[in-house]
Amino acid sequence: DVARKFYELLGWEEVIDLPKYHANEMRNADGVYINLI
């Protein structure tokens, strides 16, 4: 939750939750992806 909120402040939003991998995919408005693990 803390990490997601931080990266949301920088413009990323969660687009896919990957609970099996304890991860997500986040994308910003310009299509740049990060994964939080």
All heavy atoms as atom14 arrays in JSON, in Angstrom:
{
  "sequence": "DVARKFYELLGWEEVIDLPKYHANEMRNADGVYINLI",
  "atom14_mask": [
    [1, 1, 1, 1, 1, 1, 1, 1, 0, 0, 0, 0, 0, 0],
    [1, 1, 1, 1, 1, 1, 1, 0, 0, 0, 0, 0, 0, 0],
    [1, 1, 1, 1, 1, 0, 0, 0, 0, 0, 0, 0, 0, 0],
    [1, 1, 1, 1, 1, 1, 1, 1, 1, 1, 1, 0, 0, 0],
    [1, 1, 1, 1, 1, 1, 1, 1, 1, 0, 0, 0, 0, 0],
    [1, 1, 1, 1, 1, 1, 1, 1, 1, 1, 1, 0, 0, 0],
    [1, 1, 1, 1, 1, 1, 1, 1, 1, 1, 1, 1, 0, 0],
    [1, 1, 1, 1, 1, 1, 1, 1, 1, 0, 0, 0, 0, 0],
    [1, 1, 1, 1, 1, 1, 1, 1, 0, 0, 0, 0, 0, 0],
    [1, 1, 1, 1, 1, 1, 1, 1, 0, 0, 0, 0, 0, 0],
    [1, 1, 1, 1, 0, 0, 0, 0, 0, 0, 0, 0, 0, 0],
    [1, 1, 1, 1, 1, 1, 1, 1, 1, 1, 1, 1, 1, 1],
    [1, 1, 1, 1, 1, 1, 1, 1, 1, 0, 0, 0, 0, 0],
    [1, 1, 1, 1, 1, 1, 1, 1, 1, 0, 0, 0, 0, 0],
    [1, 1, 1, 1, 1, 1, 1, 0, 0, 0, 0, 0, 0, 0],
    [1, 1, 1, 1, 1, 1, 1, 1, 0, 0, 0, 0, 0, 0],
    [1, 1, 1, 1, 1, 1, 1, 1, 0, 0, 0, 0, 0, 0],
    [1, 1, 1, 1, 1, 1, 1, 1, 0, 0, 0, 0, 0, 0],
    [1, 1, 1, 1, 1, 1, 1, 0, 0, 0, 0, 0, 0, 0],
    [1, 1, 1, 1, 1, 1, 1, 1, 1, 0, 0, 0, 0, 0],
    [1, 1, 1, 1, 1, 1, 1, 1, 1, 1, 1, 1, 0, 0],
    [1, 1, 1, 1, 1, 1, 1, 1, 1, 1, 0, 0, 0, 0],
    [1, 1, 1, 1, 1, 0, 0, 0, 0, 0, 0, 0, 0, 0],
    [1, 1, 1, 1, 1, 1, 1, 1, 0, 0, 0, 0, 0, 0],
    [1, 1, 1, 1, 1, 1, 1, 1, 1, 0, 0, 0, 0, 0],
    [1, 1, 1, 1, 1, 1, 1, 1, 0, 0, 0, 0, 0, 0],
    [1, 1, 1, 1, 1, 1, 1, 1, 1, 1, 1, 0, 0, 0],
    [1, 1, 1, 1, 1, 1, 1, 1, 0, 0, 0, 0, 0, 0],
    [1, 1, 1, 1, 1, 0, 0, 0, 0, 0, 0, 0, 0, 0],
    [1, 1, 1, 1, 1, 1, 1, 1, 0, 0, 0, 0, 0, 0],
    [1, 1, 1, 1, 0, 0, 0, 0, 0, 0, 0, 0, 0, 0],
    [1, 1, 1, 1, 1, 1, 1, 0, 0, 0, 0, 0, 0, 0],
    [1, 1, 1, 1, 1, 1, 1, 1, 1, 1, 1, 1, 0, 0],
    [1, 1, 1, 1, 1, 1, 1, 1, 0, 0, 0, 0, 0, 0],
    [1, 1, 1, 1, 1, 1, 1, 1, 0, 0, 0, 0, 0, 0],
    [1, 1, 1, 1, 1, 1, 1, 1, 0, 0, 0, 0, 0, 0],
    [1, 1, 1, 1, 1, 1, 1, 1, 0, 0, 0, 0, 0, 0]
  ],
  "atom14_positions": [
    [[0.82, -1.21, 0.0], [0.0, 0.0, 0.0], [0.85, 1.27, 0.0], [0.57, 2.21, -0.74], [-0.96, 0.01, 1.19], [-2.02, -1.09, 1.08], [-2.37, -1.47, -0.06], [-2.49, -1.56, 2.12], [0.0, 0.0, 0.0], [0.0, 0.0, 0.0], [0.0, 0.0, 0.0], [0.0, 0.0, 0.0], [0.0, 0.0, 0.0], [0.0, 0.0, 0.0]],
    [[1.87, 1.29, 0.83], [2.76, 2.46, 0.9], [3.45, 2.67, -0.45], [3.5, 3.79, -0.96], [3.78, 2.29, 2.04], [4.86, 3.36, 1.97], [3.07, 2.33, 3.39], [0.0, 0.0, 0.0], [0.0, 0.0, 0.0], [0.0, 0.0, 0.0], [0.0, 0.0, 0.0], [0.0, 0.0, 0.0], [0.0, 0.0, 0.0], [0.0, 0.0, 0.0]],
    [[3.98, 1.61, -1.02], [4.68, 1.72, -2.3], [3.73, 2.15, -3.42], [4.07, 3.02, -4.22], [5.35, 0.4, -2.65], [0.0, 0.0, 0.0], [0.0, 0.0, 0.0], [0.0, 0.0, 0.0], [0.0, 0.0, 0.0], [0.0, 0.0, 0.0], [0.0, 0.0, 0.0], [0.0, 0.0, 0.0], [0.0, 0.0, 0.0], [0.0, 0.0, 0.0]],
    [[2.57, 1.53, -3.47], [1.6, 1.91, -4.5], [1.25, 3.38, -4.43], [1.23, 4.08, -5.45], [0.34, 1.06, -4.36], [0.06, 0.22, -5.58], [-1.18, -0.57, -5.43], [-2.32, 0.32, -5.59], [-3.57, -0.05, -5.42], [-3.85, -1.27, -5.08], [-4.54, 0.78, -5.6], [0.0, 0.0, 0.0], [0.0, 0.0, 0.0], [0.0, 0.0, 0.0]],
    [[0.98, 3.87, -3.24], [0.63, 5.29, -3.08], [1.77, 6.19, -3.53], [1.56, 7.21, -4.18], [0.24, 5.58, -1.63], [-1.11, 5.02, -1.28], [-1.44, 5.23, 0.19], [-2.75, 4.52, 0.52], [-3.02, 4.46, 1.93], [0.0, 0.0, 0.0], [0.0, 0.0, 0.0], [0.0, 0.0, 0.0], [0.0, 0.0, 0.0], [0.0, 0.0, 0.0]],
    [[3.0, 5.82, -3.18], [4.16, 6.61, -3.58], [4.27, 6.69, -5.11], [4.41, 7.76, -5.68], [5.44, 6.02, -2.99], [6.69, 6.73, -3.43], [7.1, 7.88, -2.79], [7.45, 6.23, -4.48], [8.25, 8.54, -3.2], [8.6, 6.89, -4.89], [9.0, 8.05, -4.25], [0.0, 0.0, 0.0], [0.0, 0.0, 0.0], [0.0, 0.0, 0.0]],
    [[4.21, 5.53, -5.76], [4.36, 5.52, -7.22], [3.15, 6.15, -7.91], [3.29, 6.72, -9.0], [4.67, 4.1, -7.71], [6.11, 3.74, -7.4], [6.44, 3.05, -6.24], [7.13, 4.15, -8.24], [7.77, 2.76, -5.93], [8.47, 3.85, -7.95], [8.77, 3.17, -6.8], [10.1, 2.9, -6.51], [0.0, 0.0, 0.0], [0.0, 0.0, 0.0]],
    [[1.99, 6.09, -7.3], [0.84, 6.82, -7.85], [1.08, 8.32, -7.83], [0.7, 9.03, -8.75], [-0.43, 6.45, -7.08], [-0.94, 5.06, -7.42], [-2.07, 4.59, -6.51], [-2.39, 5.28, -5.5], [-2.63, 3.51, -6.8], [0.0, 0.0, 0.0], [0.0, 0.0, 0.0], [0.0, 0.0, 0.0], [0.0, 0.0, 0.0], [0.0, 0.0, 0.0]],
    [[1.72, 8.83, -6.77], [2.06, 10.25, -6.72], [2.98, 10.65, -7.86], [2.96, 11.79, -8.31], [2.73, 10.6, -5.38], [1.84, 10.6, -4.15], [2.68, 10.81, -2.89], [0.76, 11.67, -4.26], [0.0, 0.0, 0.0], [0.0, 0.0, 0.0], [0.0, 0.0, 0.0], [0.0, 0.0, 0.0], [0.0, 0.0, 0.0], [0.0, 0.0, 0.0]],
    [[3.79, 9.7, -8.34], [4.69, 9.97, -9.45], [4.05, 9.71, -10.81], [4.7, 9.85, -11.84], [5.96, 9.13, -9.31], [6.85, 9.48, -8.11], [8.02, 8.5, -8.01], [7.35, 10.91, -8.2], [0.0, 0.0, 0.0], [0.0, 0.0, 0.0], [0.0, 0.0, 0.0], [0.0, 0.0, 0.0], [0.0, 0.0, 0.0], [0.0, 0.0, 0.0]],
    [[2.77, 9.33, -10.81], [2.05, 9.22, -12.08], [1.76, 7.82, -12.57], [1.16, 7.65, -13.63], [0.0, 0.0, 0.0], [0.0, 0.0, 0.0], [0.0, 0.0, 0.0], [0.0, 0.0, 0.0], [0.0, 0.0, 0.0], [0.0, 0.0, 0.0], [0.0, 0.0, 0.0], [0.0, 0.0, 0.0], [0.0, 0.0, 0.0], [0.0, 0.0, 0.0]],
    [[2.17, 6.79, -11.83], [1.86, 5.43, -12.24], [0.55, 4.98, -11.6], [0.2, 5.43, -10.51], [2.97, 4.46, -11.84], [4.11, 4.44, -12.8], [4.2, 3.7, -13.95], [5.33, 5.17, -12.72], [5.4, 3.92, -14.58], [6.12, 4.83, -13.84], [5.85, 6.09, -11.81], [7.38, 5.35, -14.08], [7.1, 6.63, -12.04], [7.85, 6.26, -13.16]],
    [[-0.15, 4.07, -12.26], [-1.34, 3.47, -11.67], [-1.32, 1.96, -11.92], [-0.82, 1.5, -12.95], [-2.63, 4.09, -12.22], [-2.91, 3.78, -13.67], [-4.25, 4.31, -14.14], [-5.28, 3.83, -13.65], [-4.24, 5.2, -15.0], [0.0, 0.0, 0.0], [0.0, 0.0, 0.0], [0.0, 0.0, 0.0], [0.0, 0.0, 0.0], [0.0, 0.0, 0.0]],
    [[-1.85, 1.25, -10.95], [-1.88, -0.21, -11.09], [-2.85, -0.6, -12.2], [-3.98, -0.15, -12.21], [-2.31, -0.85, -9.77], [-2.26, -2.36, -9.81], [-2.56, -2.98, -8.47], [-1.61, -3.18, -7.69], [-3.75, -3.24, -8.19], [0.0, 0.0, 0.0], [0.0, 0.0, 0.0], [0.0, 0.0, 0.0], [0.0, 0.0, 0.0], [0.0, 0.0, 0.0]],
    [[-2.36, -1.41, -13.12], [-3.21, -1.89, -14.21], [-3.43, -3.4, -14.15], [-4.4, -3.9, -14.69], [-2.66, -1.48, -15.6], [-2.76, 0.03, -15.79], [-1.24, -1.95, -15.82], [0.0, 0.0, 0.0], [0.0, 0.0, 0.0], [0.0, 0.0, 0.0], [0.0, 0.0, 0.0], [0.0, 0.0, 0.0], [0.0, 0.0, 0.0], [0.0, 0.0, 0.0]],
    [[-2.51, -4.11, -13.49], [-2.65, -5.56, -13.34], [-2.13, -5.95, -11.97], [-1.03, -5.56, -11.57], [-1.86, -6.34, -14.42], [-2.37, -6.0, -15.82], [-1.94, -7.84, -14.18], [-1.56, -6.61, -16.94], [0.0, 0.0, 0.0], [0.0, 0.0, 0.0], [0.0, 0.0, 0.0], [0.0, 0.0, 0.0], [0.0, 0.0, 0.0], [0.0, 0.0, 0.0]],
    [[-2.92, -6.74, -11.24], [-2.49, -7.32, -9.98], [-2.04, -8.75, -10.27], [-2.72, -9.48, -10.99], [-3.66, -7.3, -8.98], [-3.26, -7.8, -7.61], [-2.06, -7.78, -7.28], [-4.17, -8.21, -6.86], [0.0, 0.0, 0.0], [0.0, 0.0, 0.0], [0.0, 0.0, 0.0], [0.0, 0.0, 0.0], [0.0, 0.0, 0.0], [0.0, 0.0, 0.0]],
    [[-0.89, -9.13, -9.74], [-0.33, -10.46, -9.97], [-0.11, -11.16, -8.63], [1.03, -11.38, -8.21], [0.99, -10.35, -10.75], [0.9, -9.65, -12.11], [2.28, -9.23, -12.6], [0.19, -10.54, -13.11], [0.0, 0.0, 0.0], [0.0, 0.0, 0.0], [0.0, 0.0, 0.0], [0.0, 0.0, 0.0], [0.0, 0.0, 0.0], [0.0, 0.0, 0.0]],
    [[-1.19, -11.51, -7.92], [-1.04, -12.06, -6.57], [-0.21, -13.34, -6.51], [0.51, -13.56, -5.53], [-2.48, -12.3, -6.11], [-3.32, -12.26, -7.32], [-2.58, -11.44, -8.34], [0.0, 0.0, 0.0], [0.0, 0.0, 0.0], [0.0, 0.0, 0.0], [0.0, 0.0, 0.0], [0.0, 0.0, 0.0], [0.0, 0.0, 0.0], [0.0, 0.0, 0.0]],
    [[-0.27, -14.16, -7.53], [0.52, -15.39, -7.56], [2.02, -15.08, -7.46], [2.79, -15.85, -6.9], [0.22, -16.17, -8.84], [1.03, -17.43, -9.01], [0.67, -18.14, -10.3], [1.55, -19.36, -10.53], [1.25, -20.01, -11.8], [0.0, 0.0, 0.0], [0.0, 0.0, 0.0], [0.0, 0.0, 0.0], [0.0, 0.0, 0.0], [0.0, 0.0, 0.0]],
    [[2.42, -13.93, -7.99], [3.83, -13.53, -8.01], [4.16, -12.44, -6.98], [5.25, -11.9, -6.98], [4.21, -13.05, -9.42], [3.97, -14.11, -10.45], [2.85, -14.06, -11.28], [4.84, -15.18, -10.58], [2.62, -15.05, -12.22], [4.61, -16.17, -11.53], [3.49, -16.1, -12.34], [3.26, -17.09, -13.26], [0.0, 0.0, 0.0], [0.0, 0.0, 0.0]],
    [[3.18, -12.1, -6.14], [3.36, -11.03, -5.15], [3.86, -9.76, -5.84], [4.83, -9.13, -5.41], [4.34, -11.45, -4.05], [3.97, -12.72, -3.38], [2.95, -12.79, -2.46], [4.43, -13.98, -3.52], [2.83, -14.04, -2.05], [3.71, -14.78, -2.69], [0.0, 0.0, 0.0], [0.0, 0.0, 0.0], [0.0, 0.0, 0.0], [0.0, 0.0, 0.0]],
    [[3.17, -9.38, -6.92], [3.61, -8.25, -7.74], [2.41, -7.59, -8.4], [1.28, -8.08, -8.32], [4.6, -8.75, -8.8], [0.0, 0.0, 0.0], [0.0, 0.0, 0.0], [0.0, 0.0, 0.0], [0.0, 0.0, 0.0], [0.0, 0.0, 0.0], [0.0, 0.0, 0.0], [0.0, 0.0, 0.0], [0.0, 0.0, 0.0], [0.0, 0.0, 0.0]],
    [[2.69, -6.49, -9.05], [1.7, -5.84, -9.89], [2.39, -5.26, -11.11], [3.62, -5.3, -11.22], [0.92, -4.77, -9.13], [1.7, -3.49, -8.89], [2.87, -3.36, -9.26], [1.07, -2.53, -8.24], [0.0, 0.0, 0.0], [0.0, 0.0, 0.0], [0.0, 0.0, 0.0], [0.0, 0.0, 0.0], [0.0, 0.0, 0.0], [0.0, 0.0, 0.0]],
    [[1.6, -4.74, -12.02], [2.11, -3.92, -13.11], [1.47, -2.56, -12.98], [0.26, -2.45, -12.74], [1.76, -4.53, -14.48], [2.54, -5.77, -14.8], [2.36, -6.25, -16.24], [1.68, -5.56, -17.04], [2.9, -7.31, -16.56], [0.0, 0.0, 0.0], [0.0, 0.0, 0.0], [0.0, 0.0, 0.0], [0.0, 0.0, 0.0], [0.0, 0.0, 0.0]],
    [[2.29, -1.54, -13.12], [1.81, -0.17, -13.08], [2.23, 0.51, -14.37], [3.29, 0.2, -14.92], [2.36, 0.58, -11.87], [1.97, -0.05, -10.54], [2.51, 0.89, -9.1], [1.18, 2.1, -8.98], [0.0, 0.0, 0.0], [0.0, 0.0, 0.0], [0.0, 0.0, 0.0], [0.0, 0.0, 0.0], [0.0, 0.0, 0.0], [0.0, 0.0, 0.0]],
    [[1.38, 1.41, -14.86], [1.66, 2.11, -16.12], [1.36, 3.59, -15.91], [0.4, 3.94, -15.23], [0.77, 1.54, -17.22], [0.97, 2.2, -18.58], [0.06, 1.63, -19.63], [-1.34, 1.87, -19.25], [-2.33, 1.01, -19.42], [-2.12, -0.16, -19.95], [-3.56, 1.32, -19.05], [0.0, 0.0, 0.0], [0.0, 0.0, 0.0], [0.0, 0.0, 0.0]],
    [[2.18, 4.44, -16.52], [1.86, 5.86, -16.47], [1.13, 6.28, -17.74], [0.92, 5.45, -18.65], [3.11, 6.72, -16.18], [4.04, 6.85, -17.37], [3.78, 6.38, -18.47], [5.17, 7.5, -17.14], [0.0, 0.0, 0.0], [0.0, 0.0, 0.0], [0.0, 0.0, 0.0], [0.0, 0.0, 0.0], [0.0, 0.0, 0.0], [0.0, 0.0, 0.0]],
    [[0.74, 7.52, -17.81], [-0.06, 8.0, -18.94], [0.66, 7.89, -20.27], [0.02, 7.83, -21.32], [-0.48, 9.46, -18.69], [0.0, 0.0, 0.0], [0.0, 0.0, 0.0], [0.0, 0.0, 0.0], [0.0, 0.0, 0.0], [0.0, 0.0, 0.0], [0.0, 0.0, 0.0], [0.0, 0.0, 0.0], [0.0, 0.0, 0.0], [0.0, 0.0, 0.0]],
    [[1.99, 7.83, -20.24], [2.76, 7.7, -21.48], [3.14, 6.27, -21.81], [3.93, 6.02, -22.71], [4.02, 8.58, -21.39], [3.66, 10.06, -21.44], [3.13, 10.51, -22.47], [3.88, 10.74, -20.43], [0.0, 0.0, 0.0], [0.0, 0.0, 0.0], [0.0, 0.0, 0.0], [0.0, 0.0, 0.0], [0.0, 0.0, 0.0], [0.0, 0.0, 0.0]],
    [[2.6, 5.31, -21.05], [2.83, 3.91, -21.36], [4.11, 3.33, -20.81], [4.55, 2.26, -21.25], [0.0, 0.0, 0.0], [0.0, 0.0, 0.0], [0.0, 0.0, 0.0], [0.0, 0.0, 0.0], [0.0, 0.0, 0.0], [0.0, 0.0, 0.0], [0.0, 0.0, 0.0], [0.0, 0.0, 0.0], [0.0, 0.0, 0.0], [0.0, 0.0, 0.0]],
    [[4.73, 3.99, -19.83], [5.94, 3.46, -19.2], [5.51, 2.55, -18.06], [4.75, 2.95, -17.19], [6.85, 4.6, -18.68], [8.06, 4.03, -17.95], [7.28, 5.49, -19.84], [0.0, 0.0, 0.0], [0.0, 0.0, 0.0], [0.0, 0.0, 0.0], [0.0, 0.0, 0.0], [0.0, 0.0, 0.0], [0.0, 0.0, 0.0], [0.0, 0.0, 0.0]],
    [[5.99, 1.31, -18.07], [5.61, 0.31, -17.09], [6.68, 0.14, -16.01], [7.87, 0.25, -16.29], [5.43, -1.06, -17.75], [4.12, -1.23, -18.47], [3.95, -0.78, -19.77], [3.05, -1.85, -17.84], [2.75, -0.94, -20.43], [1.85, -2.03, -18.49], [1.71, -1.56, -19.79], [0.5, -1.73, -20.44], [0.0, 0.0, 0.0], [0.0, 0.0, 0.0]],
    [[6.2, -0.17, -14.81], [7.04, -0.67, -13.73], [6.3, -1.84, -13.1], [5.07, -1.95, -13.24], [7.38, 0.39, -12.66], [6.12, 0.89, -11.96], [8.2, 1.52, -13.24], [6.37, 1.82, -10.79], [0.0, 0.0, 0.0], [0.0, 0.0, 0.0], [0.0, 0.0, 0.0], [0.0, 0.0, 0.0], [0.0, 0.0, 0.0], [0.0, 0.0, 0.0]],
    [[7.02, -2.72, -12.47], [6.42, -3.77, -11.65], [6.86, -3.52, -10.22], [8.05, -3.31, -9.97], [6.93, -5.17, -12.05], [6.33, -5.67, -13.32], [6.69, -5.2, -14.38], [5.45, -6.62, -13.22], [0.0, 0.0, 0.0], [0.0, 0.0, 0.0], [0.0, 0.0, 0.0], [0.0, 0.0, 0.0], [0.0, 0.0, 0.0], [0.0, 0.0, 0.0]],
    [[5.92, -3.54, -9.3], [6.27, -3.55, -7.88], [6.21, -4.99, -7.43], [5.26, -5.72, -7.74], [5.31, -2.69, -7.07], [5.31, -1.2, -7.41], [4.35, -0.45, -6.5], [6.7, -0.6, -7.35], [0.0, 0.0, 0.0], [0.0, 0.0, 0.0], [0.0, 0.0, 0.0], [0.0, 0.0, 0.0], [0.0, 0.0, 0.0], [0.0, 0.0, 0.0]],
    [[7.22, -5.42, -6.7], [7.32, -6.78, -6.21], [7.24, -6.71, -4.69], [8.07, -6.07, -4.05], [8.63, -7.44, -6.69], [8.69, -7.37, -8.22], [8.74, -8.88, -6.18], [10.06, -7.51, -8.81], [0.0, 0.0, 0.0], [0.0, 0.0, 0.0], [0.0, 0.0, 0.0], [0.0, 0.0, 0.0], [0.0, 0.0, 0.0], [0.0, 0.0, 0.0]]
  ]
}
